[in-house]
Protein backbone atom coordinates (compact mmCIF):
# COMPACT_ATOMS: atom_id res chain seq x y z
CA MET A 1 0.00 0.00 0.00
CA ARG A 2 1.43 3.41 -1.01
CA THR A 3 0.78 6.07 1.61
CA LYS A 4 1.26 9.80 2.00
CA TRP A 5 2.10 11.23 5.43
CA LEU A 6 0.12 14.39 6.12
CA GLY A 7 1.51 15.39 9.49
CA ALA A 8 -0.07 15.11 12.95
CA GLY A 9 -0.20 11.33 12.60
CA LEU A 10 -2.49 11.35 9.53
CA VAL A 11 -1.75 8.91 6.73
CA ALA A 12 -3.61 8.76 3.40
CA CYS A 13 -3.56 5.73 1.13
CA LEU A 14 -2.62 6.75 -2.41
CA CYS A 15 -4.31 3.71 -3.89
CA CYS A 16 -7.83 3.88 -2.45
CA GLY A 17 -7.86 7.32 -0.83
CA SER A 18 -8.77 6.05 2.66
CA MET A 19 -7.25 7.80 5.68
CA ALA A 20 -6.08 6.57 9.06
CA TRP A 21 -4.52 8.01 12.20
CA LEU A 22 -1.28 6.43 13.36
CA PRO A 23 0.09 6.84 16.86
CA ALA A 24 2.92 9.34 17.03
CA ARG A 25 5.27 6.72 18.40
CA GLY A 26 6.99 4.61 15.80
CA GLN A 27 5.57 6.36 12.72
CA ASP A 28 7.96 6.99 9.84
CA ARG A 29 8.28 10.62 8.91
CA PRO A 30 10.23 12.16 6.08
CA GLY A 31 13.87 12.41 7.10
CA ASP A 32 13.62 9.98 10.04
CA SER A 33 15.90 6.97 10.14
CA ARG A 34 14.03 3.70 10.39
CA GLY A 35 13.65 2.59 13.98
CA GLY A 36 15.88 5.41 15.23
CA GLU A 37 15.63 8.96 16.39
CA ALA A 38 15.71 11.95 14.09
CA LYS A 39 18.93 13.90 14.11
CA LYS A 40 18.93 16.93 16.34
CA ASP A 41 20.72 20.18 15.70
CA ASP A 42 23.46 20.37 18.28
CA GLY A 43 24.48 23.84 17.21
CA GLU A 44 27.78 22.61 15.75
CA GLY A 45 26.54 21.89 12.23
CA SER A 46 27.25 23.97 9.17
CA ALA A 47 25.58 27.35 9.50
CA ARG A 48 23.76 29.13 6.70
CA PRO A 49 26.27 31.37 4.93
CA SER A 50 25.75 34.99 5.93
CA ARG A 51 24.71 37.41 3.23
CA PRO A 52 26.93 40.34 2.45
CA GLU A 53 25.59 43.44 4.13
CA ARG A 54 23.25 45.21 1.72
CA ARG A 55 22.03 48.76 1.91
CA ILE A 56 18.80 50.02 0.43
CA ARG A 57 19.75 52.70 -2.06
CA PRO A 58 17.99 56.04 -2.60
CA TYR A 59 15.07 55.74 -5.01
CA ASP A 60 16.52 58.08 -7.64
CA ARG A 61 19.78 56.13 -7.65
CA VAL A 62 17.89 52.99 -8.70
CA ILE A 63 15.07 54.41 -10.82
CA THR A 64 17.12 57.03 -12.64
CA LYS A 65 15.94 59.71 -15.05
CA GLU A 66 16.75 57.33 -17.93
CA ALA A 67 13.99 54.96 -16.77
CA LYS A 68 10.95 54.50 -18.99
CA THR A 69 7.98 53.94 -16.66
CA SER A 70 4.71 52.17 -17.47
CA PRO A 71 2.03 52.67 -14.77
CA GLY A 72 -0.61 50.05 -14.07
CA LEU A 73 -1.04 47.06 -11.76
CA PHE A 74 2.57 47.76 -10.69
CA LEU A 75 4.86 50.56 -11.78
CA VAL A 76 7.08 48.90 -14.39
CA HIS A 77 10.42 50.65 -14.99
CA ARG A 78 12.77 49.83 -17.84
CA ILE A 79 16.37 51.04 -17.85
CA GLU A 80 18.16 49.77 -20.97
CA ASP A 81 18.06 45.96 -20.67
CA LYS A 82 16.89 45.88 -17.04
CA VAL A 83 13.28 45.75 -15.78
CA PHE A 84 12.12 46.77 -12.32
CA PHE A 85 8.76 46.23 -10.59
CA GLU A 86 7.60 48.78 -8.03
CA VAL A 87 4.95 46.85 -6.15
CA PRO A 88 2.18 48.67 -4.25
CA THR A 89 1.93 47.42 -0.67
CA SER A 90 -1.78 46.76 -1.32
CA GLU A 91 -0.78 44.07 -3.87
CA LEU A 92 1.56 42.23 -1.51
CA GLY A 93 0.10 38.95 -0.28
CA LYS A 94 -2.61 38.88 -2.99
CA GLU A 95 -3.05 35.95 -5.33
CA MET A 96 -2.36 36.64 -9.00
CA LEU A 97 -2.39 34.56 -12.16
CA TRP A 98 0.82 34.13 -14.19
CA VAL A 99 0.31 32.75 -17.71
CA THR A 100 3.15 31.91 -20.14
CA GLN A 101 2.64 31.16 -23.85
CA LEU A 102 4.72 30.52 -26.94
CA GLU A 103 3.82 33.55 -29.05
CA GLN A 104 6.27 32.74 -31.87
CA THR A 105 8.48 29.74 -32.57
CA GLN A 106 10.55 28.07 -35.30
CA THR A 107 9.44 25.39 -37.70
CA GLY A 108 9.74 22.01 -36.05
CA TYR A 109 9.49 23.34 -32.48
CA SER A 110 5.95 23.22 -31.12
CA HIS A 111 3.28 25.66 -32.42
CA ALA A 112 2.80 29.39 -32.01
CA GLY A 113 0.12 30.13 -29.42
CA GLU A 114 0.70 26.97 -27.39
CA PRO A 115 0.49 27.33 -23.60
CA VAL A 116 3.68 26.86 -21.60
CA GLY A 117 2.06 27.04 -18.17
CA ASP A 118 -0.19 28.94 -15.80
CA ARG A 119 -0.05 29.19 -12.03
CA VAL A 120 -1.29 31.24 -9.13
CA VAL A 121 1.48 33.31 -7.53
CA ARG A 122 1.86 35.60 -4.55
CA TRP A 123 4.32 38.46 -3.89
CA GLU A 124 5.46 38.42 -0.29
CA GLN A 125 7.86 40.75 1.50
CA ARG A 126 10.36 39.22 3.89
CA GLY A 127 12.63 41.84 5.40
CA ASP A 128 14.42 43.54 2.54
CA ASP A 129 13.61 40.75 0.07
CA LEU A 130 10.57 40.17 -2.09
CA LEU A 131 9.57 36.53 -2.52
CA LEU A 132 7.60 35.21 -5.48
CA ARG A 133 5.70 32.17 -4.21
CA ASP A 134 3.82 29.41 -6.02
CA VAL A 135 0.29 29.01 -4.61
CA ARG A 136 -1.12 25.50 -4.99
CA TYR A 137 -4.53 24.02 -4.30
CA GLU A 138 -4.02 20.33 -5.11
CA ILE A 139 -5.27 19.31 -1.66
CA ARG A 140 -7.86 21.09 0.51
CA ALA A 141 -9.97 20.62 3.62
CA ASP A 142 -12.66 23.27 3.97
CA VAL A 143 -13.82 22.14 7.40
CA GLU A 144 -13.39 23.23 11.03
CA ASP A 145 -11.45 20.12 11.93
CA PRO A 146 -7.89 19.20 12.98
CA ILE A 147 -7.39 17.68 9.52
CA GLN A 148 -7.35 21.23 8.15
CA GLY A 149 -4.14 21.84 10.09
CA ALA A 150 -2.63 18.67 8.64
CA VAL A 151 -3.51 19.76 5.11
CA LYS A 152 -2.09 23.23 5.74
CA ALA A 153 1.14 21.71 7.02
CA THR A 154 1.41 19.75 3.77
CA SER A 155 0.68 22.71 1.48
CA MET A 156 3.75 24.91 1.91
CA GLU A 157 3.97 27.43 -0.95
CA PRO A 158 7.26 26.91 -2.85
CA ILE A 159 9.50 29.94 -3.35
CA ILE A 160 9.99 30.57 -7.07
CA ALA A 161 12.39 33.50 -6.69
CA VAL A 162 13.96 35.75 -4.04
CA LEU A 163 14.48 39.31 -5.25
CA PRO A 164 16.53 41.78 -3.17
CA ILE A 165 14.70 45.07 -2.62
CA GLN A 166 16.78 47.77 -4.31
CA ALA A 167 14.89 50.83 -3.02
CA TYR A 168 11.56 51.95 -1.61
CA GLY A 169 9.20 54.20 -3.52
CA LYS A 170 6.26 56.25 -2.33
CA ASP A 171 4.24 54.64 0.51
CA LYS A 172 7.10 52.14 1.08
CA ARG A 173 6.53 50.40 -2.27
CA PRO A 174 9.40 47.89 -2.69
CA VAL A 175 11.39 48.18 -5.92
CA VAL A 176 12.95 44.95 -7.25
CA GLU A 177 14.73 43.98 -10.44
CA VAL A 178 12.83 41.21 -12.26
CA THR A 179 15.10 40.84 -15.30
CA SER A 180 16.30 37.41 -14.21
CA ILE A 181 12.75 36.07 -13.97
CA PHE A 182 12.13 36.88 -17.63
CA THR A 183 15.54 36.08 -19.13
CA GLY A 184 16.52 33.17 -16.87
CA ASP A 185 15.48 29.55 -17.07
CA LEU A 186 13.20 29.19 -14.04
CA PRO A 187 11.44 25.79 -14.19
CA GLU A 188 8.07 27.46 -13.50
CA PHE A 189 8.21 29.67 -16.62
CA THR A 190 10.57 28.01 -19.09
CA ALA A 191 9.51 26.59 -22.46
CA ARG A 192 12.51 24.27 -22.47
CA ARG A 193 10.53 21.06 -22.05
CA ARG A 194 7.86 22.20 -24.49
CA ILE A 195 10.35 22.53 -27.35
CA GLY A 196 12.80 19.80 -26.28
CA ALA A 197 15.71 22.14 -25.48
CA SER A 198 18.45 21.83 -22.86
CA GLY A 199 18.67 25.37 -21.49
CA VAL A 200 18.67 29.12 -22.11
CA ASP A 201 21.54 30.97 -23.78
CA PRO A 202 21.57 34.31 -21.89
CA ARG A 203 23.73 36.02 -24.53
CA ARG A 204 21.00 35.47 -27.10
CA THR A 205 18.01 36.30 -24.88
CA PHE A 206 16.39 39.76 -24.79
CA ILE A 207 13.41 41.55 -23.27
CA GLU A 208 11.49 42.85 -26.26
CA LYS A 209 8.64 44.62 -24.52
CA VAL A 210 7.08 44.98 -21.08
CA LYS A 211 4.02 47.10 -20.34
CA ALA A 212 1.67 47.59 -17.40
CA PHE A 213 -2.12 47.92 -17.59
CA PRO A 214 -4.64 48.58 -14.78
CA THR A 215 -5.18 44.89 -13.99
CA ASN A 216 -2.29 43.12 -15.75
CA ILE A 217 1.32 43.28 -16.90
CA GLU A 218 2.38 41.93 -20.31
CA ALA A 219 5.94 41.02 -21.34
CA LYS A 220 7.44 39.65 -24.55
CA ILE A 221 10.81 37.91 -24.24
CA LEU A 222 12.99 36.78 -27.16
CA VAL A 223 14.55 33.60 -25.77
CA THR A 224 17.20 31.42 -27.38
CA TYR A 225 17.40 27.84 -26.11
CA ARG A 226 20.27 25.42 -26.64
CA THR A 227 19.13 22.15 -28.16
CA GLY A 228 22.38 20.30 -27.49
CA GLY A 229 22.99 20.02 -31.21
CA GLY A 230 20.40 17.29 -31.31
CA GLY A 231 16.74 16.70 -31.96
CA GLY A 232 13.96 19.09 -32.68
CA GLY A 233 11.00 20.09 -30.57
CA MET A 234 8.69 17.75 -28.74
CA GLY A 235 5.57 18.76 -30.62
CA GLY A 236 3.22 16.67 -28.50
CA PRO A 237 2.67 12.93 -27.98
CA GLY A 238 3.74 12.06 -31.53
CA GLY A 239 7.24 13.47 -31.11
CA PRO A 240 8.94 16.28 -33.03
CA ILE A 241 6.97 18.29 -35.53
CA PRO A 242 8.18 17.65 -39.10
CA GLY A 243 10.18 20.45 -40.62
CA GLY A 244 13.60 20.11 -39.04
CA GLY A 245 15.21 22.82 -36.97
CA GLY A 246 17.17 20.52 -34.64
CA ARG A 247 20.31 20.64 -36.83
CA GLU A 248 21.08 24.21 -35.78
CA GLY A 249 21.84 23.39 -32.13
CA SER A 250 19.60 26.20 -30.89
CA VAL A 251 16.08 27.55 -31.25
CA THR A 252 14.77 31.09 -30.72
CA VAL A 253 11.19 31.68 -29.59
CA MET A 254 9.07 34.59 -28.38
CA LEU A 255 7.64 33.95 -24.91
CA HIS A 256 4.64 35.97 -23.76
CA HIS A 257 4.14 36.42 -20.01
CA SER A 258 0.92 37.77 -18.48
CA LEU A 259 0.66 38.67 -14.79
CA ILE A 260 -3.02 39.20 -14.01
CA ASP A 261 -4.76 40.56 -10.93
CA LEU A 262 -7.52 38.20 -9.77
CA PRO A 263 -11.00 39.50 -8.83
CA GLU A 264 -11.53 40.63 -5.25
CA LYS A 265 -14.64 38.46 -5.06
CA PRO A 266 -14.06 34.92 -6.37
CA MET A 267 -16.68 33.42 -8.66
CA ARG A 268 -18.88 30.75 -7.11
CA PRO A 269 -17.59 27.34 -8.25
CA ARG A 270 -19.81 24.82 -9.99
CA ARG A 271 -19.37 21.06 -9.61
CA TYR A 272 -18.70 18.94 -12.66
CA ASP A 273 -21.49 16.70 -13.96
CA ASP A 274 -20.21 13.83 -16.10
CA ARG A 275 -23.37 13.95 -18.24
CA VAL A 276 -22.10 17.14 -19.89
CA GLY A 277 -18.69 17.60 -21.50
CA TYR A 278 -16.85 20.39 -19.68
CA PHE A 279 -13.22 21.21 -19.19
CA THR A 280 -12.47 20.86 -15.49
CA VAL A 281 -10.01 21.50 -12.68
CA SER A 282 -9.75 19.10 -9.78
CA PHE A 283 -8.33 18.79 -6.28
CA GLU A 284 -8.26 16.26 -3.43
CA ASP A 285 -10.66 17.03 -0.57
CA TYR A 286 -9.42 15.73 2.79
CA GLY A 287 -12.43 17.20 4.60
CA SER A 288 -14.89 14.72 3.14
CA LEU A 289 -17.28 13.02 5.56
CA LYS A 290 -16.79 9.74 3.66
CA HIS A 291 -13.61 9.01 5.66
CA GLN A 292 -11.60 8.94 2.47
CA VAL A 293 -9.95 11.39 0.12
CA GLU A 294 -12.51 12.62 -2.40
CA GLU A 295 -11.58 14.01 -5.81
CA VAL A 296 -13.62 17.16 -6.44
CA ARG A 297 -13.94 18.52 -9.97
CA TYR A 298 -15.13 21.99 -10.90
CA ILE A 299 -15.96 23.12 -14.41
CA THR A 300 -14.02 25.95 -16.01
CA ARG A 301 -16.33 28.72 -17.20
CA TRP A 302 -16.72 32.41 -17.92
CA ARG A 303 -18.06 34.89 -15.39
CA LEU A 304 -21.25 36.28 -16.96
CA GLU A 305 -23.18 38.85 -14.92
CA LYS A 306 -26.22 40.81 -16.07
CA LYS A 307 -26.00 44.59 -16.44
CA ASP A 308 -29.64 44.65 -15.31
CA PRO A 309 -30.17 41.82 -12.80
CA LYS A 310 -33.95 42.40 -12.81
CA ALA A 311 -34.35 41.97 -16.58
CA ALA A 312 -35.34 38.60 -17.98
CA VAL A 313 -32.75 39.10 -20.76
CA SER A 314 -29.90 41.55 -20.26
CA GLU A 315 -26.57 42.30 -21.88
CA PRO A 316 -23.66 41.10 -19.70
CA LYS A 317 -21.35 43.43 -17.83
CA LYS A 318 -18.49 41.77 -19.67
CA PRO A 319 -19.24 39.58 -22.72
CA ILE A 320 -17.26 36.54 -23.84
CA VAL A 321 -15.03 37.76 -26.69
CA PHE A 322 -13.08 35.58 -29.11
CA TYR A 323 -10.43 37.39 -31.16
CA LEU A 324 -9.73 35.87 -34.57
CA GLY A 325 -6.00 35.53 -35.17
CA ARG A 326 -4.53 37.51 -38.03
CA GLU A 327 -3.13 34.29 -39.49
CA ILE A 328 -6.69 33.18 -40.42
CA PRO A 329 -7.20 33.72 -44.17
CA ALA A 330 -9.44 36.74 -44.81
CA ARG A 331 -11.94 34.72 -46.86
CA TYR A 332 -12.70 32.46 -43.86
CA ARG A 333 -13.01 35.13 -41.17
CA PRO A 334 -16.69 36.09 -41.74
CA TRP A 335 -17.75 32.46 -41.50
CA ILE A 336 -15.73 31.74 -38.36
CA LYS A 337 -17.25 34.86 -36.79
CA LYS A 338 -20.74 33.61 -37.72
CA GLY A 339 -19.96 30.19 -36.25
CA ILE A 340 -18.90 31.67 -32.91
CA GLU A 341 -21.84 34.07 -32.68
CA ALA A 342 -24.30 31.31 -33.65
CA TRP A 343 -24.21 30.47 -29.92
CA GLN A 344 -25.97 33.74 -29.03
CA PRO A 345 -29.52 32.26 -29.04
CA ALA A 346 -28.43 29.64 -26.50
CA PHE A 347 -27.15 32.37 -24.18
CA GLU A 348 -30.40 34.32 -24.66
CA LYS A 349 -32.26 31.31 -23.30
CA ALA A 350 -30.03 31.64 -20.23
CA GLY A 351 -30.91 35.36 -19.93
CA PHE A 352 -28.00 37.06 -21.73
CA LYS A 353 -28.13 39.12 -24.93
CA ASN A 354 -24.98 39.51 -27.04
CA ALA A 355 -23.13 37.36 -24.53
CA ILE A 356 -20.63 35.91 -27.00
CA LEU A 357 -18.87 37.98 -29.67
CA ALA A 358 -16.11 37.49 -32.24
CA LYS A 359 -13.75 40.26 -33.26
């Protein structure tokens, strides 16, 4: 039986999902030696290397008059090939969505527009550092029960990056350089696995554009990956996409990053019903009354709200909009637009007029 230790003596079976409490004595915990005691810190072990003393510099010494500033969700400053975020204190600790896509690629290495990854992140200040943390919801327990503490103890948010605070702006807004996040090869944001490469070549990687908007920040990064002089991109389950490209020993792509502020009020989730084909997200619920781990699936959907809640049929506050890519041949665009908007009568039955549009 494969088990997962959840802390506080709670063990979950990974095969059937059942849970059991084990006495604290004799249970195997990560890092314990079998049948022996865990090692204790006697104070004589190797200490964490001390950081060189760092001083916070004056604001105008960091964000100089040469900086090009884009105001929005954060203040985004660009000085030559460096990018700085000036983060409002009101945005610290909030959950945000980070989406990475392949905007452009080479023949034989995946497809333009393919997703690289998306995750919920949180900016957190720790002394004179700003941490970027990875927020995960794979396991949950929404109950007033000791098991909630066990789940919390097993859901530590990984640290993606530690950024030294360079200066403080107005209202103590921390200023950090984020160049390395965009031009580095962080596992959370890299397209290396997507295109079958071995790593980033920093000499051939550039920040093309970064701009802030009221609720999001958009960045385009020209990234060159080393392919090890070998094969081409992965291209999906069938292997590399025909067309070559692997002979060159490197591949250059355009990565598009979007950092998006999430709504203050989350949308009410809706459970999946297997009688209807929806895309879903799932998590393991350890707070189930069935005395076993329950997989809960929610459907992914748009947030449609009526402009006039009292009207039987109302236009939405924010419609669903599909943008037709410019690579679609002009002669097909009118028909694709008609196909998308042919769903409007179905939405009218649900009380929404002009709910779905194509542009």
